[in-house]
Amino acid sequence: MTVFDVRKRRYWDEWLAYLHIPRAALPLPRPTNHLFGELLLPDGTATVAVPVLAMITDQQAALFGYDCRLPGQAAATHGTPRS
């Protein structure tokens, strides 16, 4: 279940109301390639700002986790197992 309608590029007000999720609790929708912020990382005696320029979740992140990084590679994820 998702509360974001990718076709209309907006949150589903009906689902938010049904689930009692305040819109203010949700992030603003952004494209995958976007400046999300910076990570401040130590580099010897200095701190380097590394931009976060992409966000991947769910199926896209699973491909990365399963080491599918070349054209033609695939993975199939069928939900989360229940214990």
PDB file of N, CA and C in Angstrom:
ATOM      1  N   MET A   1       0.846  -1.166   0.000  1.00  0.00           N
ATOM      2  CA  MET A   1       0.000   0.000   0.000  1.00  0.00           C
ATOM      3  C   MET A   1       0.897   1.236   0.000  1.00  0.00           C
ATOM      4  N   THR A   2       0.506   2.203  -0.791  1.00  0.00           N
ATOM      5  CA  THR A   2       1.253   3.445  -0.845  1.00  0.00           C
ATOM      6  C   THR A   2       0.296   4.624  -0.662  1.00  0.00           C
ATOM      7  N   VAL A   3       0.805   5.688  -0.139  1.00  0.00           N
ATOM      8  CA  VAL A   3      -0.029   6.876   0.037  1.00  0.00           C
ATOM      9  C   VAL A   3       0.301   7.932  -1.004  1.00  0.00           C
ATOM     10  N   PHE A   4       1.176   7.579  -1.970  1.00  0.00           N
ATOM     11  CA  PHE A   4       1.577   8.519  -3.007  1.00  0.00           C
ATOM     12  C   PHE A   4       1.119   8.006  -4.362  1.00  0.00           C
ATOM     13  N   ASP A   5       0.400   8.832  -5.099  1.00  0.00           N
ATOM     14  CA  ASP A   5      -0.074   8.489  -6.435  1.00  0.00           C
ATOM     15  C   ASP A   5       0.972   8.956  -7.441  1.00  0.00           C
ATOM     16  N   VAL A   6       1.739   8.006  -8.005  1.00  0.00           N
ATOM     17  CA  VAL A   6       2.822   8.382  -8.917  1.00  0.00           C
ATOM     18  C   VAL A   6       2.295   8.955 -10.227  1.00  0.00           C
ATOM     19  N   ARG A   7       1.089   8.577 -10.625  1.00  0.00           N
ATOM     20  CA  ARG A   7       0.528   9.109 -11.873  1.00  0.00           C
ATOM     21  C   ARG A   7       0.175  10.592 -11.741  1.00  0.00           C
ATOM     22  N   LYS A   8      -0.397  10.942 -10.605  1.00  0.00           N
ATOM     23  CA  LYS A   8      -0.785  12.343 -10.378  1.00  0.00           C
ATOM     24  C   LYS A   8       0.298  13.130  -9.653  1.00  0.00           C
ATOM     25  N   ARG A   9       1.317  12.423  -9.186  1.00  0.00           N
ATOM     26  CA  ARG A   9       2.445  13.034  -8.462  1.00  0.00           C
ATOM     27  C   ARG A   9       1.989  13.823  -7.240  1.00  0.00           C
ATOM     28  N   ARG A  10       1.138  13.163  -6.464  1.00  0.00           N
ATOM     29  CA  ARG A  10       0.659  13.789  -5.225  1.00  0.00           C
ATOM     30  C   ARG A  10       0.244  12.690  -4.251  1.00  0.00           C
ATOM     31  N   TYR A  11       0.137  13.070  -2.994  1.00  0.00           N
ATOM     32  CA  TYR A  11      -0.334  12.127  -1.981  1.00  0.00           C
ATOM     33  C   TYR A  11      -1.827  11.907  -2.137  1.00  0.00           C
ATOM     34  N   TRP A  12      -2.284  10.712  -1.804  1.00  0.00           N
ATOM     35  CA  TRP A  12      -3.713  10.383  -1.848  1.00  0.00           C
ATOM     36  C   TRP A  12      -4.354  10.865  -0.553  1.00  0.00           C
ATOM     37  N   ASP A  13      -5.140  11.900  -0.650  1.00  0.00           N
ATOM     38  CA  ASP A  13      -5.789  12.463   0.536  1.00  0.00           C
ATOM     39  C   ASP A  13      -6.692  11.447   1.232  1.00  0.00           C
ATOM     40  N   GLU A  14      -7.362  10.598   0.440  1.00  0.00           N
ATOM     41  CA  GLU A  14      -8.258   9.596   1.029  1.00  0.00           C
ATOM     42  C   GLU A  14      -7.491   8.610   1.915  1.00  0.00           C
ATOM     43  N   TRP A  15      -6.325   8.148   1.431  1.00  0.00           N
ATOM     44  CA  TRP A  15      -5.517   7.215   2.230  1.00  0.00           C
ATOM     45  C   TRP A  15      -4.948   7.892   3.465  1.00  0.00           C
ATOM     46  N   LEU A  16      -4.486   9.122   3.290  1.00  0.00           N
ATOM     47  CA  LEU A  16      -3.946   9.851   4.443  1.00  0.00           C
ATOM     48  C   LEU A  16      -5.005   9.980   5.532  1.00  0.00           C
ATOM     49  N   ALA A  17      -6.220  10.321   5.132  1.00  0.00           N
ATOM     50  CA  ALA A  17      -7.309  10.452   6.109  1.00  0.00           C
ATOM     51  C   ALA A  17      -7.638   9.107   6.739  1.00  0.00           C
ATOM     52  N   TYR A  18      -7.731   8.061   5.919  1.00  0.00           N
ATOM     53  CA  TYR A  18      -8.069   6.726   6.422  1.00  0.00           C
ATOM     54  C   TYR A  18      -7.015   6.226   7.414  1.00  0.00           C
ATOM     55  N   LEU A  19      -5.743   6.499   7.138  1.00  0.00           N
ATOM     56  CA  LEU A  19      -4.654   6.031   7.991  1.00  0.00           C
ATOM     57  C   LEU A  19      -4.298   7.011   9.099  1.00  0.00           C
ATOM     58  N   HIS A  20      -4.992   8.144   9.135  1.00  0.00           N
ATOM     59  CA  HIS A  20      -4.741   9.182  10.149  1.00  0.00           C
ATOM     60  C   HIS A  20      -3.296   9.683  10.095  1.00  0.00           C
ATOM     61  N   ILE A  21      -2.826   9.923   8.868  1.00  0.00           N
ATOM     62  CA  ILE A  21      -1.476  10.447   8.675  1.00  0.00           C
ATOM     63  C   ILE A  21      -1.594  11.925   8.310  1.00  0.00           C
ATOM     64  N   PRO A  22      -1.048  12.802   9.123  1.00  0.00           N
ATOM     65  CA  PRO A  22      -1.103  14.228   8.765  1.00  0.00           C
ATOM     66  C   PRO A  22      -0.165  14.515   7.591  1.00  0.00           C
ATOM     67  N   ARG A  23      -0.636  15.264   6.641  1.00  0.00           N
ATOM     68  CA  ARG A  23       0.175  15.600   5.466  1.00  0.00           C
ATOM     69  C   ARG A  23       1.497  16.249   5.883  1.00  0.00           C
ATOM     70  N   ALA A  24       1.473  17.034   6.946  1.00  0.00           N
ATOM     71  CA  ALA A  24       2.684  17.726   7.406  1.00  0.00           C
ATOM     72  C   ALA A  24       3.773  16.744   7.850  1.00  0.00           C
ATOM     73  N   ALA A  25       3.405  15.492   8.144  1.00  0.00           N
ATOM     74  CA  ALA A  25       4.384  14.497   8.570  1.00  0.00           C
ATOM     75  C   ALA A  25       5.136  13.882   7.397  1.00  0.00           C
ATOM     76  N   LEU A  26       4.696  14.158   6.172  1.00  0.00           N
ATOM     77  CA  LEU A  26       5.286  13.548   4.988  1.00  0.00           C
ATOM     78  C   LEU A  26       6.239  14.507   4.287  1.00  0.00           C
ATOM     79  N   PRO A  27       7.267  13.966   3.652  1.00  0.00           N
ATOM     80  CA  PRO A  27       8.200  14.840   2.930  1.00  0.00           C
ATOM     81  C   PRO A  27       7.575  15.374   1.645  1.00  0.00           C
ATOM     82  N   LEU A  28       8.132  16.443   1.142  1.00  0.00           N
ATOM     83  CA  LEU A  28       7.701  16.948  -0.152  1.00  0.00           C
ATOM     84  C   LEU A  28       8.159  15.970  -1.233  1.00  0.00           C
ATOM     85  N   PRO A  29       7.305  15.653  -2.188  1.00  0.00           N
ATOM     86  CA  PRO A  29       7.722  14.773  -3.284  1.00  0.00           C
ATOM     87  C   PRO A  29       8.842  15.425  -4.095  1.00  0.00           C
ATOM     88  N   ARG A  30       9.849  14.647  -4.414  1.00  0.00           N
ATOM     89  CA  ARG A  30      10.987  15.115  -5.196  1.00  0.00           C
ATOM     90  C   ARG A  30      11.310  14.073  -6.257  1.00  0.00           C
ATOM     91  N   PRO A  31      11.920  14.481  -7.366  1.00  0.00           N
ATOM     92  CA  PRO A  31      12.357  13.493  -8.348  1.00  0.00           C
ATOM     93  C   PRO A  31      13.512  12.654  -7.795  1.00  0.00           C
ATOM     94  N   THR A  32      13.786  11.520  -8.408  1.00  0.00           N
ATOM     95  CA  THR A  32      14.870  10.655  -7.951  1.00  0.00           C
ATOM     96  C   THR A  32      16.199  11.389  -7.967  1.00  0.00           C
ATOM     97  N   ASN A  33      16.452  12.132  -9.042  1.00  0.00           N
ATOM     98  CA  ASN A  33      17.679  12.925  -9.146  1.00  0.00           C
ATOM     99  C   ASN A  33      17.397  14.333  -8.655  1.00  0.00           C
ATOM    100  N   HIS A  34      17.894  14.634  -7.469  1.00  0.00           N
ATOM    101  CA  HIS A  34      17.592  15.906  -6.811  1.00  0.00           C
ATOM    102  C   HIS A  34      18.667  16.127  -5.754  1.00  0.00           C
ATOM    103  N   LEU A  35      18.957  17.363  -5.443  1.00  0.00           N
ATOM    104  CA  LEU A  35      19.881  17.644  -4.346  1.00  0.00           C
ATOM    105  C   LEU A  35      19.114  17.514  -3.034  1.00  0.00           C
ATOM    106  N   PHE A  36      19.319  16.386  -2.347  1.00  0.00           N
ATOM    107  CA  PHE A  36      18.607  16.114  -1.102  1.00  0.00           C
ATOM    108  C   PHE A  36      19.312  16.711   0.112  1.00  0.00           C
ATOM    109  N   GLY A  37      20.556  17.059  -0.046  1.00  0.00           N
ATOM    110  CA  GLY A  37      21.327  17.607   1.061  1.00  0.00           C
ATOM    111  C   GLY A  37      22.784  17.213   0.912  1.00  0.00           C
ATOM    112  N   GLU A  38      23.514  17.318   1.995  1.00  0.00           N
ATOM    113  CA  GLU A  38      24.935  16.984   1.972  1.00  0.00           C
ATOM    114  C   GLU A  38      25.294  16.128   3.176  1.00  0.00           C
ATOM    115  N   LEU A  39      26.262  15.254   2.974  1.00  0.00           N
ATOM    116  CA  LEU A  39      26.864  14.507   4.072  1.00  0.00           C
ATOM    117  C   LEU A  39      28.188  15.174   4.402  1.00  0.00           C
ATOM    118  N   LEU A  40      28.404  15.466   5.660  1.00  0.00           N
ATOM    119  CA  LEU A  40      29.666  16.056   6.085  1.00  0.00           C
ATOM    120  C   LEU A  40      30.562  14.933   6.586  1.00  0.00           C
ATOM    121  N   LEU A  41      31.609  14.642   5.826  1.00  0.00           N
ATOM    122  CA  LEU A  41      32.482  13.508   6.133  1.00  0.00           C
ATOM    123  C   LEU A  41      33.882  13.987   6.485  1.00  0.00           C
ATOM    124  N   PRO A  42      34.475  13.384   7.509  1.00  0.00           N
ATOM    125  CA  PRO A  42      35.846  13.749   7.865  1.00  0.00           C
ATOM    126  C   PRO A  42      36.829  13.254   6.800  1.00  0.00           C
ATOM    127  N   ASP A  43      37.800  14.084   6.476  1.00  0.00           N
ATOM    128  CA  ASP A  43      38.849  13.728   5.521  1.00  0.00           C
ATOM    129  C   ASP A  43      40.173  14.218   6.089  1.00  0.00           C
ATOM    130  N   GLY A  44      40.768  13.386   6.932  1.00  0.00           N
ATOM    131  CA  GLY A  44      41.990  13.801   7.608  1.00  0.00           C
ATOM    132  C   GLY A  44      41.680  14.860   8.640  1.00  0.00           C
ATOM    133  N   THR A  45      42.160  16.055   8.408  1.00  0.00           N
ATOM    134  CA  THR A  45      41.931  17.155   9.361  1.00  0.00           C
ATOM    135  C   THR A  45      40.795  18.075   8.914  1.00  0.00           C
ATOM    136  N   ALA A  46      40.231  17.831   7.739  1.00  0.00           N
ATOM    137  CA  ALA A  46      39.157  18.689   7.222  1.00  0.00           C
ATOM    138  C   ALA A  46      37.849  17.904   7.157  1.00  0.00           C
ATOM    139  N   THR A  47      36.781  18.610   6.887  1.00  0.00           N
ATOM    140  CA  THR A  47      35.471  17.999   6.660  1.00  0.00           C
ATOM    141  C   THR A  47      35.067  18.297   5.229  1.00  0.00           C
ATOM    142  N   VAL A  48      34.642  17.259   4.526  1.00  0.00           N
ATOM    143  CA  VAL A  48      34.256  17.391   3.121  1.00  0.00           C
ATOM    144  C   VAL A  48      32.739  17.257   3.012  1.00  0.00           C
ATOM    145  N   ALA A  49      32.127  18.167   2.279  1.00  0.00           N
ATOM    146  CA  ALA A  49      30.688  18.098   2.033  1.00  0.00           C
ATOM    147  C   ALA A  49      30.452  17.298   0.756  1.00  0.00           C
ATOM    148  N   VAL A  50      29.767  16.159   0.888  1.00  0.00           N
ATOM    149  CA  VAL A  50      29.469  15.298  -0.254  1.00  0.00           C
ATOM    150  C   VAL A  50      27.975  15.427  -0.547  1.00  0.00           C
ATOM    151  N   PRO A  51      27.618  15.888  -1.749  1.00  0.00           N
ATOM    152  CA  PRO A  51      26.194  16.063  -2.046  1.00  0.00           C
ATOM    153  C   PRO A  51      25.473  14.721  -2.200  1.00  0.00           C
ATOM    154  N   VAL A  52      24.239  14.666  -1.714  1.00  0.00           N
ATOM    155  CA  VAL A  52      23.372  13.506  -1.922  1.00  0.00           C
ATOM    156  C   VAL A  52      22.460  13.889  -3.082  1.00  0.00           C
ATOM    157  N   LEU A  53      22.700  13.283  -4.256  1.00  0.00           N
ATOM    158  CA  LEU A  53      22.033  13.700  -5.486  1.00  0.00           C
ATOM    159  C   LEU A  53      21.017  12.703  -6.009  1.00  0.00           C
ATOM    160  N   ALA A  54      20.811  11.605  -5.316  1.00  0.00           N
ATOM    161  CA  ALA A  54      19.829  10.619  -5.775  1.00  0.00           C
ATOM    162  C   ALA A  54      19.279   9.878  -4.569  1.00  0.00           C
ATOM    163  N   MET A  55      18.081   9.346  -4.736  1.00  0.00           N
ATOM    164  CA  MET A  55      17.431   8.588  -3.675  1.00  0.00           C
ATOM    165  C   MET A  55      16.826   7.348  -4.315  1.00  0.00           C
ATOM    166  N   ILE A  56      17.184   6.185  -3.793  1.00  0.00           N
ATOM    167  CA  ILE A  56      16.579   4.958  -4.309  1.00  0.00           C
ATOM    168  C   ILE A  56      15.909   4.221  -3.154  1.00  0.00           C
ATOM    169  N   THR A  57      14.796   3.598  -3.454  1.00  0.00           N
ATOM    170  CA  THR A  57      14.061   2.853  -2.439  1.00  0.00           C
ATOM    171  C   THR A  57      13.493   1.589  -3.057  1.00  0.00           C
ATOM    172  N   ASP A  58      12.997   0.722  -2.236  1.00  0.00           N
ATOM    173  CA  ASP A  58      12.224  -0.444  -2.615  1.00  0.00           C
ATOM    174  C   ASP A  58      12.899  -1.271  -3.701  1.00  0.00           C
ATOM    175  N   GLN A  59      12.260  -1.425  -4.864  1.00  0.00           N
ATOM    176  CA  GLN A  59      12.769  -2.315  -5.902  1.00  0.00           C
ATOM    177  C   GLN A  59      14.121  -1.861  -6.440  1.00  0.00           C
ATOM    178  N   GLN A  60      14.299  -0.557  -6.619  1.00  0.00           N
ATOM    179  CA  GLN A  60      15.571  -0.059  -7.120  1.00  0.00           C
ATOM    180  C   GLN A  60      16.698  -0.349  -6.136  1.00  0.00           C
ATOM    181  N   ALA A  61      16.422  -0.165  -4.862  1.00  0.00           N
ATOM    182  CA  ALA A  61      17.430  -0.449  -3.841  1.00  0.00           C
ATOM    183  C   ALA A  61      17.710  -1.942  -3.760  1.00  0.00           C
ATOM    184  N   ALA A  62      16.694  -2.762  -3.971  1.00  0.00           N
ATOM    185  CA  ALA A  62      16.887  -4.211  -3.953  1.00  0.00           C
ATOM    186  C   ALA A  62      17.832  -4.638  -5.069  1.00  0.00           C
ATOM    187  N   LEU A  63      17.691  -4.046  -6.248  1.00  0.00           N
ATOM    188  CA  LEU A  63      18.613  -4.376  -7.343  1.00  0.00           C
ATOM    189  C   LEU A  63      20.051  -4.091  -6.948  1.00  0.00           C
ATOM    190  N   PHE A  64      20.276  -2.958  -6.334  1.00  0.00           N
ATOM    191  CA  PHE A  64      21.623  -2.604  -5.877  1.00  0.00           C
ATOM    192  C   PHE A  64      22.096  -3.607  -4.817  1.00  0.00           C
ATOM    193  N   GLY A  65      21.230  -3.948  -3.883  1.00  0.00           N
ATOM    194  CA  GLY A  65      21.581  -4.883  -2.819  1.00  0.00           C
ATOM    195  C   GLY A  65      21.893  -6.275  -3.330  1.00  0.00           C
ATOM    196  N   TYR A  66      21.226  -6.684  -4.412  1.00  0.00           N
ATOM    197  CA  TYR A  66      21.491  -8.002  -5.001  1.00  0.00           C
ATOM    198  C   TYR A  66      22.622  -7.958  -6.019  1.00  0.00           C
ATOM    199  N   ASP A  67      23.319  -6.828  -6.099  1.00  0.00           N
ATOM    200  CA  ASP A  67      24.477  -6.648  -6.976  1.00  0.00           C
ATOM    201  C   ASP A  67      24.107  -6.693  -8.454  1.00  0.00           C
ATOM    202  N   CYS A  68      22.915  -6.242  -8.808  1.00  0.00           N
ATOM    203  CA  CYS A  68      22.504  -6.139 -10.210  1.00  0.00           C
ATOM    204  C   CYS A  68      22.855  -4.744 -10.696  1.00  0.00           C
ATOM    205  N   ARG A  69      24.002  -4.623 -11.335  1.00  0.00           N
ATOM    206  CA  ARG A  69      24.468  -3.296 -11.728  1.00  0.00           C
ATOM    207  C   ARG A  69      24.815  -3.187 -13.197  1.00  0.00           C
ATOM    208  N   LEU A  70      24.594  -4.255 -13.951  1.00  0.00           N
ATOM    209  CA  LEU A  70      24.913  -4.247 -15.374  1.00  0.00           C
ATOM    210  C   LEU A  70      23.652  -4.488 -16.194  1.00  0.00           C
ATOM    211  N   PRO A  71      23.602  -3.945 -17.415  1.00  0.00           N
ATOM    212  CA  PRO A  71      22.442  -4.215 -18.280  1.00  0.00           C
ATOM    213  C   PRO A  71      22.227  -5.720 -18.437  1.00  0.00           C
ATOM    214  N   GLY A  72      20.974  -6.128 -18.375  1.00  0.00           N
ATOM    215  CA  GLY A  72      20.628  -7.538 -18.529  1.00  0.00           C
ATOM    216  C   GLY A  72      20.504  -8.299 -17.228  1.00  0.00           C
ATOM    217  N   GLN A  73      21.003  -7.755 -16.134  1.00  0.00           N
ATOM    218  CA  GLN A  73      20.869  -8.414 -14.845  1.00  0.00           C
ATOM    219  C   GLN A  73      19.492  -8.101 -14.273  1.00  0.00           C
ATOM    220  N   ALA A  74      18.962  -9.020 -13.473  1.00  0.00           N
ATOM    221  CA  ALA A  74      17.630  -8.836 -12.911  1.00  0.00           C
ATOM    222  C   ALA A  74      17.529  -9.486 -11.546  1.00  0.00           C
ATOM    223  N   ALA A  75      16.545  -9.054 -10.795  1.00  0.00           N
ATOM    224  CA  ALA A  75      16.207  -9.652  -9.514  1.00  0.00           C
ATOM    225  C   ALA A  75      14.691  -9.558  -9.359  1.00  0.00           C
ATOM    226  N   ALA A  76      14.139 -10.512  -8.670  1.00  0.00           N
ATOM    227  CA  ALA A  76      12.699 -10.494  -8.412  1.00  0.00           C
ATOM    228  C   ALA A  76      12.468 -10.523  -6.914  1.00  0.00           C
ATOM    229  N   THR A  77      11.831  -9.490  -6.399  1.00  0.00           N
ATOM    230  CA  THR A  77      11.506  -9.416  -4.978  1.00  0.00           C
ATOM    231  C   THR A  77       9.992  -9.538  -4.855  1.00  0.00           C
ATOM    232  N   HIS A  78       9.553 -10.487  -4.043  1.00  0.00           N
ATOM    233  CA  HIS A  78       8.116 -10.775  -3.928  1.00  0.00           C
ATOM    234  C   HIS A  78       7.598 -10.446  -2.536  1.00  0.00           C
ATOM    235  N   GLY A  79       7.785  -9.229  -2.121  1.00  0.00           N
ATOM    236  CA  GLY A  79       7.272  -8.810  -0.820  1.00  0.00           C
ATOM    237  C   GLY A  79       8.193  -9.175   0.317  1.00  0.00           C
ATOM    238  N   THR A  80       7.732  -8.897   1.496  1.00  0.00           N
ATOM    239  CA  THR A  80       8.487  -9.158   2.713  1.00  0.00           C
ATOM    240  C   THR A  80       7.953 -10.410   3.383  1.00  0.00           C
ATOM    241  N   PRO A  81       8.857 -11.370   3.686  1.00  0.00           N
ATOM    242  CA  PRO A  81       8.376 -12.579   4.348  1.00  0.00           C
ATOM    243  C   PRO A  81       7.841 -12.256   5.745  1.00  0.00           C
ATOM    244  N   ARG A  82       6.830 -12.951   6.151  1.00  0.00           N
ATOM    245  CA  ARG A  82       6.271 -12.764   7.499  1.00  0.00           C
ATOM    246  C   ARG A  82       6.767 -13.877   8.400  1.00  0.00           C
ATOM    247  N   SER A  83       7.092 -13.515   9.603  1.00  0.00           N
ATOM    248  CA  SER A  83       7.592 -14.531  10.532  1.00  0.00           C
ATOM    249  C   SER A  83       6.510 -14.988  11.476  1.00  0.00           C
TER     250      SER A  83
END
